[in-house]
C-alpha atoms as a PDB file:
ATOM      1  CA  MET A   1     -33.414  21.646  55.903  1.00  0.00           C
ATOM      2  CA  GLY A   2     -35.772  19.954  53.513  1.00  0.00           C
ATOM      3  CA  PHE A   3     -35.216  20.334  49.775  1.00  0.00           C
ATOM      4  CA  ALA A   4     -34.222  24.009  49.457  1.00  0.00           C
ATOM      5  CA  LYS A   5     -30.437  24.031  49.264  1.00  0.00           C
ATOM      6  CA  GLY A   6     -28.606  27.273  49.885  1.00  0.00           C
ATOM      7  CA  LEU A   7     -31.528  28.861  51.720  1.00  0.00           C
ATOM      8  CA  TYR A   8     -31.470  29.255  55.466  1.00  0.00           C
ATOM      9  CA  PRO A   9     -33.643  31.085  58.011  1.00  0.00           C
ATOM     10  CA  THR A  10     -32.608  33.732  60.510  1.00  0.00           C
ATOM     11  CA  ARG A  11     -34.522  35.537  63.225  1.00  0.00           C
ATOM     12  CA  VAL A  12     -35.734  39.089  62.646  1.00  0.00           C
ATOM     13  CA  ILE A  13     -34.922  41.433  65.504  1.00  0.00           C
ATOM     14  CA  ALA A  14     -37.001  44.576  65.083  1.00  0.00           C
ATOM     15  CA  GLU A  15     -34.663  46.849  67.044  1.00  0.00           C
ATOM     16  CA  LYS A  16     -31.524  45.484  65.357  1.00  0.00           C
ATOM     17  CA  TRP A  17     -32.575  44.500  61.838  1.00  0.00           C
ATOM     18  CA  TRP A  18     -28.939  44.092  60.782  1.00  0.00           C
ATOM     19  CA  GLU A  19     -28.483  41.172  63.168  1.00  0.00           C
ATOM     20  CA  THR A  20     -29.498  37.784  61.758  1.00  0.00           C
ATOM     21  CA  PRO A  21     -29.194  35.034  64.366  1.00  0.00           C
ATOM     22  CA  PRO A  22     -29.760  31.664  62.660  1.00  0.00           C
ATOM     23  CA  VAL A  23     -32.659  29.340  63.377  1.00  0.00           C
ATOM     24  CA  GLU A  24     -30.972  26.236  64.748  1.00  0.00           C
ATOM     25  CA  ASN A  25     -33.808  23.759  64.069  1.00  0.00           C
ATOM     26  CA  VAL A  26     -35.383  24.633  60.725  1.00  0.00           C
ATOM     27  CA  LEU A  27     -38.067  21.932  60.866  1.00  0.00           C
ATOM     28  CA  SER A  28     -39.319  23.416  64.142  1.00  0.00           C
ATOM     29  CA  LEU A  29     -40.906  26.112  61.957  1.00  0.00           C
ATOM     30  CA  ASN A  30     -43.266  23.410  60.621  1.00  0.00           C
ATOM     31  CA  LYS A  31     -44.893  22.980  64.028  1.00  0.00           C
ATOM     32  CA  ASP A  32     -47.360  20.186  63.253  1.00  0.00           C
ATOM     33  CA  ARG A  33     -44.989  18.309  60.925  1.00  0.00           C
ATOM     34  CA  ARG A  34     -47.607  18.208  58.206  1.00  0.00           C
ATOM     35  CA  ASP A  35     -46.836  17.066  54.675  1.00  0.00           C
ATOM     36  CA  THR A  36     -49.334  19.281  52.825  1.00  0.00           C
ATOM     37  CA  ILE A  37     -49.406  23.056  52.552  1.00  0.00           C
ATOM     38  CA  ILE A  38     -51.291  25.421  50.277  1.00  0.00           C
ATOM     39  CA  ILE A  39     -49.662  28.654  49.128  1.00  0.00           C
ATOM     40  CA  VAL A  40     -52.429  31.175  48.533  1.00  0.00           C
ATOM     41  CA  GLY A  41     -52.056  34.019  46.043  1.00  0.00           C
ATOM     42  CA  ASP A  42     -54.051  37.107  45.104  1.00  0.00           C
ATOM     43  CA  ALA A  43     -55.454  36.098  41.715  1.00  0.00           C
ATOM     44  CA  THR A  44     -59.044  36.905  40.792  1.00  0.00           C
ATOM     45  CA  ASN A  45     -60.019  33.232  41.030  1.00  0.00           C
ATOM     46  CA  VAL A  46     -58.504  32.616  44.486  1.00  0.00           C
ATOM     47  CA  VAL A  47     -61.818  31.941  46.286  1.00  0.00           C
ATOM     48  CA  LYS A  48     -62.885  29.393  43.664  1.00  0.00           C
ATOM     49  CA  ASP A  49     -59.500  27.689  43.946  1.00  0.00           C
ATOM     50  CA  LEU A  50     -59.880  27.525  47.722  1.00  0.00           C
ATOM     51  CA  GLU A  51     -63.336  25.950  47.397  1.00  0.00           C
ATOM     52  CA  ASN A  52     -62.074  23.341  44.937  1.00  0.00           C
ATOM     53  CA  PHE A  53     -59.115  22.458  47.122  1.00  0.00           C
ATOM     54  CA  LEU A  54     -61.306  21.961  50.198  1.00  0.00           C
ATOM     55  CA  LYS A  55     -63.476  19.538  48.227  1.00  0.00           C
ATOM     56  CA  LEU A  56     -60.390  17.644  47.131  1.00  0.00           C
ATOM     57  CA  CYS A  57     -58.029  17.456  50.112  1.00  0.00           C
ATOM     58  CA  PRO A  58     -58.454  14.354  52.334  1.00  0.00           C
ATOM     59  CA  VAL A  59     -55.933  15.311  55.061  1.00  0.00           C
ATOM     60  CA  PRO A  60     -55.177  18.199  57.448  1.00  0.00           C
ATOM     61  CA  PHE A  61     -53.032  20.868  55.793  1.00  0.00           C
ATOM     62  CA  ASP A  62     -51.197  24.093  56.577  1.00  0.00           C
ATOM     63  CA  THR A  63     -51.760  27.431  54.880  1.00  0.00           C
ATOM     64  CA  MET A  64     -49.242  30.019  53.707  1.00  0.00           C
ATOM     65  CA  CYS A  65     -50.751  33.305  52.542  1.00  0.00           C
ATOM     66  CA  MET A  66     -48.956  35.710  50.236  1.00  0.00           C
ATOM     67  CA  ASN A  67     -49.404  39.463  50.383  1.00  0.00           C
ATOM     68  CA  TYR A  68     -53.121  40.365  50.658  1.00  0.00           C
ATOM     69  CA  SER A  69     -54.495  36.839  50.328  1.00  0.00           C
ATOM     70  CA  TYR A  70     -54.842  36.416  54.112  1.00  0.00           C
ATOM     71  CA  MET A  71     -57.902  38.667  53.814  1.00  0.00           C
ATOM     72  CA  VAL A  72     -59.841  36.008  51.861  1.00  0.00           C
ATOM     73  CA  VAL A  73     -58.828  32.904  53.845  1.00  0.00           C
ATOM     74  CA  PRO A  74     -61.476  32.325  56.567  1.00  0.00           C
ATOM     75  CA  TRP A  75     -59.427  29.962  58.748  1.00  0.00           C
ATOM     76  CA  LYS A  76     -56.274  30.151  60.869  1.00  0.00           C
ATOM     77  CA  ILE A  77     -53.118  30.397  58.790  1.00  0.00           C
ATOM     78  CA  GLN A  78     -49.701  29.093  59.819  1.00  0.00           C
ATOM     79  CA  HIS A  79     -47.440  31.144  57.525  1.00  0.00           C
ATOM     80  CA  PHE A  80     -47.434  34.556  55.829  1.00  0.00           C
ATOM     81  CA  VAL A  81     -44.878  35.607  53.222  1.00  0.00           C
ATOM     82  CA  ALA A  82     -44.297  38.894  51.424  1.00  0.00           C
ATOM     83  CA  GLY A  83     -41.744  39.450  48.696  1.00  0.00           C
ATOM     84  CA  ASP A  84     -41.845  43.205  49.312  1.00  0.00           C
ATOM     85  CA  SER A  85     -41.768  42.996  53.105  1.00  0.00           C
ATOM     86  CA  HIS A  86     -39.727  46.211  53.312  1.00  0.00           C
ATOM     87  CA  MET A  87     -42.694  48.174  51.893  1.00  0.00           C
ATOM     88  CA  GLU A  88     -45.072  49.973  54.216  1.00  0.00           C
ATOM     89  CA  ASP A  89     -48.211  48.251  52.921  1.00  0.00           C
ATOM     90  CA  MET A  90     -46.809  44.775  53.570  1.00  0.00           C
ATOM     91  CA  GLN A  91     -45.670  45.792  57.047  1.00  0.00           C
ATOM     92  CA  LYS A  92     -49.200  46.983  57.767  1.00  0.00           C
ATOM     93  CA  CYS A  93     -50.478  43.581  56.613  1.00  0.00           C
ATOM     94  CA  ALA A  94     -48.012  41.790  58.893  1.00  0.00           C
ATOM     95  CA  ALA A  95     -49.181  43.895  61.834  1.00  0.00           C
ATOM     96  CA  GLN A  96     -52.793  42.788  61.263  1.00  0.00           C
ATOM     97  CA  ILE A  97     -51.979  39.068  61.265  1.00  0.00           C
ATOM     98  CA  PRO A  98     -52.048  37.218  64.625  1.00  0.00           C
ATOM     99  CA  ASP A  99     -48.736  36.398  66.293  1.00  0.00           C
ATOM    100  CA  THR A 100     -49.585  32.693  66.055  1.00  0.00           C
ATOM    101  CA  CYS A 101     -48.794  32.980  62.335  1.00  0.00           C
ATOM    102  CA  MET A 102     -45.126  32.904  61.303  1.00  0.00           C
ATOM    103  CA  LYS A 103     -44.228  35.790  58.995  1.00  0.00           C
ATOM    104  CA  HIS A 104     -41.473  35.241  56.426  1.00  0.00           C
ATOM    105  CA  CYS A 105     -39.411  37.654  54.332  1.00  0.00           C
ATOM    106  CA  TRP A 106     -36.024  38.036  52.647  1.00  0.00           C
ATOM    107  CA  ASN A 107     -35.547  41.807  52.842  1.00  0.00           C
ATOM    108  CA  PRO A 108     -33.720  43.623  55.622  1.00  0.00           C
ATOM    109  CA  GLN A 109     -35.703  46.240  57.569  1.00  0.00           C
ATOM    110  CA  SER A 110     -38.879  44.128  57.489  1.00  0.00           C
ATOM    111  CA  LEU A 111     -40.748  45.356  60.539  1.00  0.00           C
ATOM    112  CA  GLY A 112     -43.309  42.962  61.981  1.00  0.00           C
ATOM    113  CA  PHE A 113     -41.800  39.845  60.352  1.00  0.00           C
ATOM    114  CA  ASP A 114     -40.352  36.860  62.222  1.00  0.00           C
ATOM    115  CA  ILE A 115     -38.068  34.947  59.854  1.00  0.00           C
ATOM    116  CA  ARG A 116     -35.716  36.312  57.221  1.00  0.00           C
ATOM    117  CA  TRP A 117     -34.475  33.797  54.631  1.00  0.00           C
ATOM    118  CA  LEU A 118     -30.947  34.291  53.333  1.00  0.00           C
ATOM    119  CA  LYS A 119     -29.254  32.712  50.332  1.00  0.00           C
ATOM    120  CA  ASN A 120     -25.730  31.314  50.419  1.00  0.00           C
ATOM    121  CA  GLY A 121     -23.383  33.258  48.196  1.00  0.00           C
ATOM    122  CA  ARG A 122     -26.053  35.532  46.732  1.00  0.00           C
ATOM    123  CA  SER A 123     -27.653  38.822  47.567  1.00  0.00           C
ATOM    124  CA  GLY A 124     -31.262  39.717  46.915  1.00  0.00           C
ATOM    125  CA  TRP A 125     -34.009  37.643  45.396  1.00  0.00           C
ATOM    126  CA  ASN A 126     -35.571  37.165  41.973  1.00  0.00           C
ATOM    127  CA  GLY A 127     -38.973  35.942  40.901  1.00  0.00           C
ATOM    128  CA  THR A 128     -42.372  36.461  42.497  1.00  0.00           C
ATOM    129  CA  THR A 129     -43.552  36.028  46.083  1.00  0.00           C
ATOM    130  CA  ALA A 130     -44.869  32.593  45.038  1.00  0.00           C
ATOM    131  CA  ASN A 131     -41.333  31.515  44.092  1.00  0.00           C
ATOM    132  CA  LEU A 132     -40.126  32.567  47.535  1.00  0.00           C
ATOM    133  CA  GLY A 133     -43.070  30.804  49.198  1.00  0.00           C
ATOM    134  CA  ILE A 134     -42.253  27.537  47.426  1.00  0.00           C
ATOM    135  CA  LYS A 135     -38.611  27.720  48.497  1.00  0.00           C
ATOM    136  CA  ILE A 136     -39.647  28.286  52.105  1.00  0.00           C
ATOM    137  CA  ALA A 137     -42.200  25.460  52.028  1.00  0.00           C
ATOM    138  CA  LEU A 138     -39.558  23.074  50.670  1.00  0.00           C
ATOM    139  CA  ALA A 139     -37.073  24.137  53.346  1.00  0.00           C
ATOM    140  CA  LEU A 140     -39.694  23.471  56.033  1.00  0.00           C
ATOM    141  CA  GLY A 141     -40.077  19.887  54.837  1.00  0.00           C
ATOM    142  CA  TYR A 142     -43.477  19.997  53.126  1.00  0.00           C
ATOM    143  CA  THR A 143     -43.719  17.354  50.428  1.00  0.00           C
ATOM    144  CA  ARG A 144     -47.121  18.296  49.000  1.00  0.00           C
ATOM    145  CA  ILE A 145     -47.207  21.968  48.005  1.00  0.00           C
ATOM    146  CA  VAL A 146     -50.304  23.266  46.228  1.00  0.00           C
ATOM    147  CA  LEU A 147     -50.603  26.712  44.646  1.00  0.00           C
ATOM    148  CA  VAL A 148     -54.035  28.259  45.152  1.00  0.00           C
ATOM    149  CA  GLY A 149     -54.948  31.462  43.324  1.00  0.00           C
ATOM    150  CA  VAL A 150     -51.570  31.513  41.544  1.00  0.00           C
ATOM    151  CA  PRO A 151     -52.430  30.961  37.851  1.00  0.00           C
ATOM    152  CA  MET A 152     -49.672  33.301  36.600  1.00  0.00           C
ATOM    153  CA  ASP A 153     -51.872  34.698  33.836  1.00  0.00           C
ATOM    154  CA  SER A 154     -53.387  38.061  32.915  1.00  0.00           C
ATOM    155  CA  SER A 155     -56.557  37.727  35.009  1.00  0.00           C
ATOM    156  CA  GLY A 156     -55.361  40.271  37.582  1.00  0.00           C
ATOM    157  CA  ASN A 157     -55.887  40.440  41.338  1.00  0.00           C
ATOM    158  CA  TRP A 158     -59.075  39.947  43.378  1.00  0.00           C
ATOM    159  CA  TYR A 159     -58.716  43.386  44.965  1.00  0.00           C
ATOM    160  CA  ALA A 160     -58.427  45.286  41.654  1.00  0.00           C
ATOM    161  CA  PRO A 161     -61.957  46.811  41.994  1.00  0.00           C
ATOM    162  CA  LEU A 162     -60.806  48.440  45.247  1.00  0.00           C
ATOM    163  CA  LEU A 163     -57.823  50.163  43.630  1.00  0.00           C
ATOM    164  CA  LYS A 164     -57.607  53.577  42.013  1.00  0.00           C
ATOM    165  CA  SER A 165     -57.769  53.520  38.237  1.00  0.00           C
ATOM    166  CA  ASP A 166     -54.122  54.618  37.909  1.00  0.00           C
ATOM    167  CA  ASP A 167     -52.764  52.094  40.435  1.00  0.00           C
ATOM    168  CA  ILE A 168     -49.827  50.077  39.083  1.00  0.00           C
ATOM    169  CA  LYS A 169     -51.548  46.846  40.153  1.00  0.00           C
ATOM    170  CA  GLN A 170     -54.548  47.453  37.868  1.00  0.00           C
ATOM    171  CA  GLY A 171     -54.586  44.930  35.054  1.00  0.00           C
ATOM    172  CA  LYS A 172     -51.392  43.304  36.278  1.00  0.00           C
ATOM    173  CA  ASP A 173     -50.108  40.638  33.899  1.00  0.00           C
ATOM    174  CA  HIS A 174     -48.083  37.834  35.498  1.00  0.00           C
ATOM    175  CA  THR A 175     -47.325  35.946  32.286  1.00  0.00           C
ATOM    176  CA  ASN A 176     -43.917  37.634  32.000  1.00  0.00           C
ATOM    177  CA  HIS A 177     -42.822  35.437  34.932  1.00  0.00           C
ATOM    178  CA  LEU A 178     -43.660  32.176  33.166  1.00  0.00           C
ATOM    179  CA  TRP A 179     -40.024  31.553  32.181  1.00  0.00           C
ATOM    180  CA  LYS A 180     -39.302  30.884  35.853  1.00  0.00           C
ATOM    181  CA  TRP A 181     -42.193  28.445  36.150  1.00  0.00           C
ATOM    182  CA  ASN A 182     -41.079  26.560  33.056  1.00  0.00           C
ATOM    183  CA  GLU A 183     -37.707  26.195  34.746  1.00  0.00           C
ATOM    184  CA  ILE A 184     -39.287  24.954  38.005  1.00  0.00           C
ATOM    185  CA  ALA A 185     -41.469  22.452  36.121  1.00  0.00           C
ATOM    186  CA  SER A 186     -38.338  20.909  34.592  1.00  0.00           C
ATOM    187  CA  ARG A 187     -36.670  20.267  37.957  1.00  0.00           C
ATOM    188  CA  PRO A 188     -37.010  17.160  40.151  1.00  0.00           C
ATOM    189  CA  ILE A 189     -38.722  19.236  42.869  1.00  0.00           C
ATOM    190  CA  SER A 190     -41.715  19.679  40.566  1.00  0.00           C
ATOM    191  CA  ARG A 191     -42.939  16.263  41.727  1.00  0.00           C
ATOM    192  CA  LEU A 192     -43.714  17.948  45.071  1.00  0.00           C
ATOM    193  CA  LEU A 193     -45.665  20.823  43.484  1.00  0.00           C
ATOM    194  CA  ARG A 194     -49.142  21.196  42.030  1.00  0.00           C
ATOM    195  CA  SER A 195     -51.464  24.096  41.201  1.00  0.00           C
ATOM    196  CA  MET A 196     -55.230  24.492  41.220  1.00  0.00           C
ATOM    197  CA  SER A 197     -55.548  26.582  38.058  1.00  0.00           C
ATOM    198  CA  GLY A 198     -54.092  28.543  35.180  1.00  0.00           C
ATOM    199  CA  ASN A 199     -50.677  28.382  33.574  1.00  0.00           C
ATOM    200  CA  THR A 200     -49.058  26.931  36.685  1.00  0.00           C
ATOM    201  CA  ALA A 201     -51.569  24.045  36.643  1.00  0.00           C
ATOM    202  CA  ASP A 202     -50.731  23.410  32.988  1.00  0.00           C
ATOM    203  CA  LEU A 203     -47.028  23.257  33.821  1.00  0.00           C
ATOM    204  CA  LEU A 204     -47.100  21.441  37.190  1.00  0.00           C
ATOM    205  CA  GLY A 205     -50.377  19.529  36.996  1.00  0.00           C
ATOM    206  CA  LYS A 206     -53.352  19.701  39.337  1.00  0.00           C
ATOM    207  CA  PRO A 207     -53.373  17.928  42.712  1.00  0.00           C
ATOM    208  CA  THR A 208     -55.342  14.727  43.162  1.00  0.00           C
ATOM    209  CA  GLU A 209     -56.436  12.948  46.316  1.00  0.00           C
ATOM    210  CA  GLU A 210     -54.118  10.063  45.409  1.00  0.00           C
ATOM    211  CA  TRP A 211     -51.122  12.382  45.040  1.00  0.00           C
ATOM    212  CA  ILE A 212     -51.765  13.926  48.457  1.00  0.00           C
ATOM    213  CA  LEU A 213     -52.285  10.557  50.163  1.00  0.00           C
ATOM    214  CA  GLU A 214     -49.089   9.192  48.624  1.00  0.00           C
ATOM    215  CA  ALA A 215     -47.095  11.412  50.992  1.00  0.00           C
ATOM    216  CA  VAL A 216     -49.038  10.046  53.962  1.00  0.00           C
ATOM    217  CA  LYS A 217     -48.255   6.469  52.929  1.00  0.00           C
ATOM    218  CA  LEU A 218     -44.564   7.247  52.498  1.00  0.00           C
ATOM    219  CA  GLN A 219     -44.493   8.837  55.948  1.00  0.00           C
ATOM    220  CA  GLU A 220     -46.117   5.745  57.457  1.00  0.00           C
ATOM    221  CA  VAL A 221     -43.507   3.517  55.846  1.00  0.00           C
ATOM    222  CA  GLU A 222     -40.741   5.749  57.177  1.00  0.00           C
ATOM    223  CA  ASN A 223     -42.234   5.766  60.679  1.00  0.00           C
ATOM    224  CA  ASN A 224     -42.576   1.967  60.662  1.00  0.00           C
ATOM    225  CA  GLY A 225     -38.939   1.674  59.642  1.00  0.00           C
ATOM    226  CA  GLU A 226     -37.868   3.878  62.534  1.00  0.00           C
ATOM    227  CA  GLU A 227     -39.951   1.834  64.969  1.00  0.00           C
ATOM    228  CA  ASN A 228     -38.393  -1.408  63.701  1.00  0.00           C
ATOM    229  CA  LYS A 229     -34.901   0.017  64.222  1.00  0.00           C
ATOM    230  CA  LYS A 230     -35.759   0.937  67.806  1.00  0.00           C
ATOM    231  CA  SER A 231     -37.240  -2.483  68.567  1.00  0.00           C
ATOM    232  CA  ASN A 232     -34.148  -4.225  67.207  1.00  0.00           C
END
């Protein structure tokens, strides 16, 4: 199941949300078996981060969009994740995204979503949607995970000008979640994570072409080893 221990995927059945049949082959959810994925957030600088990543990345990659970020990504996305998938606005978003995209959640009663991720021995979830997205990406076997538009600072969201002045999302400050990112940066899995900007880039480091290609080289070595075993 990749690197995310204690997290496993189940199918969402719209008519019977209480049923959670398990996904037998977890890695089948990473259809192209790619190493690199970007997890796209809603920060004000998301478009600039996307531009910088495209200039940098030397290999094909998958895209996971969080919440409203699918509206600013101009190419086909493979994954969509919403931390508040039980809310009406996120279910409307899921309904607008093509069926070719896999939609992930953790909440029950998440209409329009495909995969619900459960945790062994625990109920509920803590942290932001980005934390959930990272866990899912690790479980799917991605070894190069890049945060795009996830600075975890006080810069707010790209869609703030479209909101009413009294909307709770106006002037949203994500710095109160930094304790979780400090914890993630101290773990061994941090070697698989990078960020394009902000506080998360300071903690995890920014991706480089060499870092991305390192995963490709490791995969080639692994594939050669498997071929040698077969030939012997």
